[in-house]
Each structure stands twice: as structure tokens, then as C-alpha cells.
Amino acid sequence: MKFICNFLLLLNFLAYVLADVAAWEYGTKAGLWFLLPLALFPAVTSLANKVAVSRADKFFLSEWQVFVKKIKWGNGVVLLTMAIIYKLFLEQGN
């Protein structure tokens, strides 16, 4: 199960890498903006073990449910941060 979870975590990270590669075609500003998840996602998911997932979750929930909670938390923080930065800084230039 740990292998599947790590593989899915890697696929999620690779999705952010592909989004960054595609964003560079729209310009430097978009490419640099999509570099944010590449740094933020690994940090947030590693922090999720201590912040978002409690000991009770690890005891009462299955390993899959704990993984889904961690990945939801990581993607939510990344997408929320990107939306806030877009609204505050990048949308103003248009």
C-alpha cells in the first residue's frame, strides 16, 4: 500500500511539473508562477503528517484514507496559495 501511495504522490507532483512546462508556452510570467507548486507541494505534503493528520486519524482510518486526507490538504493549500497570488499580484497587470 505504501508503494501505491508514494507512486500516486509522485504522479501528483509530475502533474504539477507538466503544468509548469505547459505554462512556459504562455510566457515567462506564467512559467514562473507555476514554479510555485513545485516548491510548495512537497513541503506541504511532508508537513501534512504533523499538521493535518492526527494520531487518531492514523489509528482509526485506513492507510488509504490518511493518504487521501494528506493529498487533499496538500493540493488544497497549493491551489489556494496560487489563487491568492494570482488575484493579488498577477491579475492587476491585465
N, C-alpha and C. Protein backbone atom coordinates (compact mmCIF):
# COMPACT_ATOMS: atom_id res chain seq x y z
N MET A 1 0.83 -1.19 0.00
CA MET A 1 0.00 0.00 0.00
C MET A 1 0.87 1.25 0.00
N LYS A 2 1.98 1.20 0.71
CA LYS A 2 2.87 2.35 0.77
C LYS A 2 3.43 2.68 -0.61
N PHE A 3 3.71 1.64 -1.39
CA PHE A 3 4.23 1.85 -2.74
C PHE A 3 3.19 2.57 -3.60
N ILE A 4 1.93 2.16 -3.51
CA ILE A 4 0.87 2.79 -4.29
C ILE A 4 0.70 4.25 -3.89
N CYS A 5 0.73 4.52 -2.59
CA CYS A 5 0.59 5.90 -2.11
C CYS A 5 1.75 6.77 -2.58
N ASN A 6 2.96 6.25 -2.49
CA ASN A 6 4.12 7.02 -2.95
C ASN A 6 4.09 7.23 -4.46
N PHE A 7 3.62 6.22 -5.19
CA PHE A 7 3.51 6.34 -6.64
C PHE A 7 2.48 7.41 -7.02
N LEU A 8 1.33 7.42 -6.34
CA LEU A 8 0.31 8.43 -6.61
C LEU A 8 0.78 9.83 -6.21
N LEU A 9 1.55 9.91 -5.15
CA LEU A 9 2.13 11.19 -4.75
C LEU A 9 3.10 11.69 -5.81
N LEU A 10 3.89 10.81 -6.36
CA LEU A 10 4.81 11.16 -7.45
C LEU A 10 4.04 11.59 -8.69
N LEU A 11 2.96 10.89 -9.03
CA LEU A 11 2.15 11.28 -10.18
C LEU A 11 1.53 12.66 -9.99
N ASN A 12 1.12 12.96 -8.78
CA ASN A 12 0.56 14.28 -8.49
C ASN A 12 1.63 15.35 -8.70
N PHE A 13 2.83 15.10 -8.23
CA PHE A 13 3.93 16.05 -8.42
C PHE A 13 4.27 16.20 -9.90
N LEU A 14 4.25 15.09 -10.63
CA LEU A 14 4.53 15.16 -12.07
C LEU A 14 3.45 15.95 -12.82
N ALA A 15 2.23 15.92 -12.33
CA ALA A 15 1.16 16.74 -12.93
C ALA A 15 1.50 18.22 -12.77
N TYR A 16 2.04 18.60 -11.62
CA TYR A 16 2.46 19.99 -11.43
C TYR A 16 3.65 20.33 -12.34
N VAL A 17 4.54 19.38 -12.55
CA VAL A 17 5.67 19.61 -13.46
C VAL A 17 5.17 19.82 -14.89
N LEU A 18 4.23 18.99 -15.32
CA LEU A 18 3.67 19.14 -16.67
C LEU A 18 2.91 20.46 -16.82
N ALA A 19 2.22 20.88 -15.77
CA ALA A 19 1.53 22.17 -15.81
C ALA A 19 2.53 23.30 -15.94
N ASP A 20 3.67 23.17 -15.28
CA ASP A 20 4.71 24.20 -15.38
C ASP A 20 5.31 24.24 -16.78
N VAL A 21 5.57 23.08 -17.34
CA VAL A 21 6.12 23.02 -18.69
C VAL A 21 5.15 23.64 -19.68
N ALA A 22 3.87 23.34 -19.53
CA ALA A 22 2.86 23.92 -20.43
C ALA A 22 2.72 25.42 -20.20
N ALA A 23 2.90 25.88 -18.99
CA ALA A 23 2.75 27.31 -18.68
C ALA A 23 3.86 28.15 -19.31
N TRP A 24 5.02 27.58 -19.51
CA TRP A 24 6.11 28.34 -20.11
C TRP A 24 5.78 28.75 -21.55
N GLU A 25 4.87 28.03 -22.19
CA GLU A 25 4.48 28.39 -23.56
C GLU A 25 3.65 29.67 -23.57
N TYR A 26 3.05 30.02 -22.45
CA TYR A 26 2.24 31.24 -22.36
C TYR A 26 3.06 32.45 -21.92
N GLY A 27 4.29 32.24 -21.58
CA GLY A 27 5.16 33.35 -21.24
C GLY A 27 5.94 33.10 -19.96
N THR A 28 6.88 33.99 -19.72
CA THR A 28 7.74 33.87 -18.56
C THR A 28 6.97 34.05 -17.26
N LYS A 29 6.04 34.97 -17.26
CA LYS A 29 5.26 35.24 -16.05
C LYS A 29 4.46 34.00 -15.62
N ALA A 30 3.82 33.33 -16.56
CA ALA A 30 3.06 32.13 -16.25
C ALA A 30 3.99 30.99 -15.83
N GLY A 31 5.11 30.86 -16.52
CA GLY A 31 6.05 29.79 -16.18
C GLY A 31 6.61 29.95 -14.78
N LEU A 32 6.96 31.18 -14.42
CA LEU A 32 7.48 31.42 -13.07
C LEU A 32 6.40 31.22 -12.01
N TRP A 33 5.16 31.59 -12.35
CA TRP A 33 4.07 31.42 -11.41
C TRP A 33 3.81 29.94 -11.13
N PHE A 34 3.94 29.09 -12.14
CA PHE A 34 3.73 27.66 -11.95
C PHE A 34 4.94 26.94 -11.35
N LEU A 35 6.02 27.66 -11.10
CA LEU A 35 7.12 27.06 -10.33
C LEU A 35 6.77 26.96 -8.85
N LEU A 36 5.83 27.77 -8.41
CA LEU A 36 5.43 27.77 -7.00
C LEU A 36 4.97 26.39 -6.51
N PRO A 37 4.11 25.67 -7.24
CA PRO A 37 3.71 24.35 -6.73
C PRO A 37 4.86 23.35 -6.65
N LEU A 38 5.87 23.53 -7.48
CA LEU A 38 7.00 22.60 -7.44
C LEU A 38 7.77 22.69 -6.13
N ALA A 39 7.77 23.85 -5.53
CA ALA A 39 8.43 24.02 -4.24
C ALA A 39 7.45 23.83 -3.09
N LEU A 40 6.22 24.25 -3.29
CA LEU A 40 5.24 24.26 -2.20
C LEU A 40 4.64 22.89 -1.94
N PHE A 41 4.33 22.12 -2.97
CA PHE A 41 3.65 20.83 -2.80
C PHE A 41 4.45 19.84 -1.96
N PRO A 42 5.74 19.61 -2.24
CA PRO A 42 6.47 18.67 -1.38
C PRO A 42 6.57 19.13 0.07
N ALA A 43 6.72 20.44 0.26
CA ALA A 43 6.81 20.95 1.63
C ALA A 43 5.49 20.77 2.38
N VAL A 44 4.40 21.05 1.71
CA VAL A 44 3.08 20.96 2.36
C VAL A 44 2.71 19.51 2.65
N THR A 45 2.98 18.61 1.72
CA THR A 45 2.63 17.21 1.97
C THR A 45 3.49 16.59 3.07
N SER A 46 4.72 16.98 3.18
CA SER A 46 5.53 16.47 4.28
C SER A 46 5.09 17.08 5.61
N LEU A 47 4.65 18.32 5.57
CA LEU A 47 4.14 18.96 6.78
C LEU A 47 2.77 18.43 7.18
N ALA A 48 2.03 17.89 6.22
CA ALA A 48 0.67 17.39 6.48
C ALA A 48 0.68 16.25 7.48
N ASN A 49 1.75 15.49 7.55
CA ASN A 49 1.82 14.41 8.53
C ASN A 49 1.75 14.93 9.96
N LYS A 50 2.24 16.12 10.18
CA LYS A 50 2.26 16.68 11.53
C LYS A 50 1.10 17.63 11.79
N VAL A 51 0.58 18.29 10.74
CA VAL A 51 -0.43 19.33 10.92
C VAL A 51 -1.84 18.81 10.64
N ALA A 52 -2.04 18.16 9.52
CA ALA A 52 -3.39 17.80 9.09
C ALA A 52 -3.82 16.40 9.53
N VAL A 53 -2.89 15.51 9.69
CA VAL A 53 -3.22 14.13 10.04
C VAL A 53 -2.88 13.91 11.51
N SER A 54 -3.90 13.62 12.30
CA SER A 54 -3.68 13.43 13.73
C SER A 54 -3.34 11.96 14.02
N ARG A 55 -2.96 11.70 15.25
CA ARG A 55 -2.69 10.32 15.65
C ARG A 55 -3.97 9.49 15.62
N ALA A 56 -5.09 10.12 15.95
CA ALA A 56 -6.37 9.41 15.90
C ALA A 56 -6.72 9.01 14.47
N ASP A 57 -6.41 9.89 13.52
CA ASP A 57 -6.64 9.55 12.11
C ASP A 57 -5.83 8.33 11.71
N LYS A 58 -4.58 8.31 12.12
CA LYS A 58 -3.72 7.18 11.78
C LYS A 58 -4.19 5.89 12.44
N PHE A 59 -4.83 6.02 13.60
CA PHE A 59 -5.29 4.83 14.32
C PHE A 59 -6.64 4.35 13.79
N PHE A 60 -7.59 5.27 13.58
CA PHE A 60 -8.95 4.88 13.24
C PHE A 60 -9.20 4.76 11.73
N LEU A 61 -8.49 5.52 10.93
CA LEU A 61 -8.70 5.49 9.48
C LEU A 61 -7.74 4.50 8.83
N SER A 62 -8.12 4.06 7.65
CA SER A 62 -7.22 3.18 6.91
C SER A 62 -6.05 3.99 6.35
N GLU A 63 -5.04 3.29 5.90
CA GLU A 63 -3.87 3.96 5.34
C GLU A 63 -4.26 4.77 4.10
N TRP A 64 -5.20 4.25 3.32
CA TRP A 64 -5.66 4.95 2.13
C TRP A 64 -6.38 6.25 2.50
N GLN A 65 -7.23 6.23 3.51
CA GLN A 65 -7.96 7.42 3.93
C GLN A 65 -7.01 8.49 4.47
N VAL A 66 -5.98 8.06 5.16
CA VAL A 66 -4.98 9.01 5.66
C VAL A 66 -4.23 9.62 4.48
N PHE A 67 -3.88 8.81 3.49
CA PHE A 67 -3.21 9.32 2.30
C PHE A 67 -4.09 10.31 1.55
N VAL A 68 -5.37 9.99 1.39
CA VAL A 68 -6.28 10.89 0.68
C VAL A 68 -6.42 12.21 1.43
N LYS A 69 -6.47 12.15 2.74
CA LYS A 69 -6.55 13.38 3.53
C LYS A 69 -5.29 14.23 3.34
N LYS A 70 -4.15 13.57 3.33
CA LYS A 70 -2.88 14.28 3.15
C LYS A 70 -2.78 14.90 1.76
N ILE A 71 -3.19 14.18 0.73
CA ILE A 71 -3.09 14.70 -0.63
C ILE A 71 -4.11 15.81 -0.87
N LYS A 72 -5.30 15.68 -0.29
CA LYS A 72 -6.29 16.75 -0.41
C LYS A 72 -5.79 18.02 0.27
N TRP A 73 -5.19 17.86 1.42
CA TRP A 73 -4.68 19.01 2.15
C TRP A 73 -3.55 19.68 1.37
N GLY A 74 -2.65 18.88 0.82
CA GLY A 74 -1.53 19.42 0.05
C GLY A 74 -1.99 20.15 -1.20
N ASN A 75 -2.89 19.53 -1.97
CA ASN A 75 -3.39 20.18 -3.19
C ASN A 75 -4.22 21.41 -2.86
N GLY A 76 -4.99 21.35 -1.79
CA GLY A 76 -5.80 22.50 -1.40
C GLY A 76 -4.97 23.70 -1.04
N VAL A 77 -3.91 23.48 -0.29
CA VAL A 77 -3.03 24.59 0.10
C VAL A 77 -2.32 25.17 -1.12
N VAL A 78 -1.86 24.31 -2.01
CA VAL A 78 -1.17 24.79 -3.21
C VAL A 78 -2.11 25.59 -4.09
N LEU A 79 -3.29 25.06 -4.35
CA LEU A 79 -4.23 25.75 -5.24
C LEU A 79 -4.74 27.05 -4.62
N LEU A 80 -4.98 27.04 -3.31
CA LEU A 80 -5.42 28.26 -2.64
C LEU A 80 -4.34 29.33 -2.67
N THR A 81 -3.11 28.95 -2.43
CA THR A 81 -1.99 29.89 -2.48
C THR A 81 -1.82 30.46 -3.88
N MET A 82 -1.93 29.61 -4.89
CA MET A 82 -1.80 30.08 -6.26
C MET A 82 -2.94 31.03 -6.63
N ALA A 83 -4.14 30.72 -6.18
CA ALA A 83 -5.29 31.60 -6.47
C ALA A 83 -5.14 32.96 -5.80
N ILE A 84 -4.67 32.96 -4.56
CA ILE A 84 -4.47 34.23 -3.85
C ILE A 84 -3.38 35.06 -4.52
N ILE A 85 -2.28 34.45 -4.88
CA ILE A 85 -1.20 35.19 -5.54
C ILE A 85 -1.67 35.71 -6.90
N TYR A 86 -2.45 34.91 -7.62
CA TYR A 86 -2.96 35.37 -8.90
C TYR A 86 -3.88 36.58 -8.72
N LYS A 87 -4.79 36.50 -7.76
CA LYS A 87 -5.73 37.60 -7.54
C LYS A 87 -5.02 38.87 -7.08
N LEU A 88 -4.05 38.73 -6.19
CA LEU A 88 -3.40 39.90 -5.62
C LEU A 88 -2.38 40.55 -6.54
N PHE A 89 -1.62 39.75 -7.25
CA PHE A 89 -0.48 40.28 -8.00
C PHE A 89 -0.59 40.17 -9.51
N LEU A 90 -0.97 39.02 -10.00
CA LEU A 90 -0.89 38.78 -11.44
C LEU A 90 -2.08 39.33 -12.21
N GLU A 91 -3.25 39.36 -11.60
CA GLU A 91 -4.42 39.87 -12.28
C GLU A 91 -4.39 41.39 -12.42
N GLN A 92 -3.63 42.05 -11.58
CA GLN A 92 -3.56 43.50 -11.60
C GLN A 92 -2.94 44.05 -12.87
N GLY A 93 -2.04 43.28 -13.46
CA GLY A 93 -1.35 43.74 -14.66
C GLY A 93 -2.24 43.75 -15.90
N ASN A 94 -3.32 43.01 -15.87
CA ASN A 94 -4.21 42.93 -17.04
C ASN A 94 -5.08 44.11 -17.05
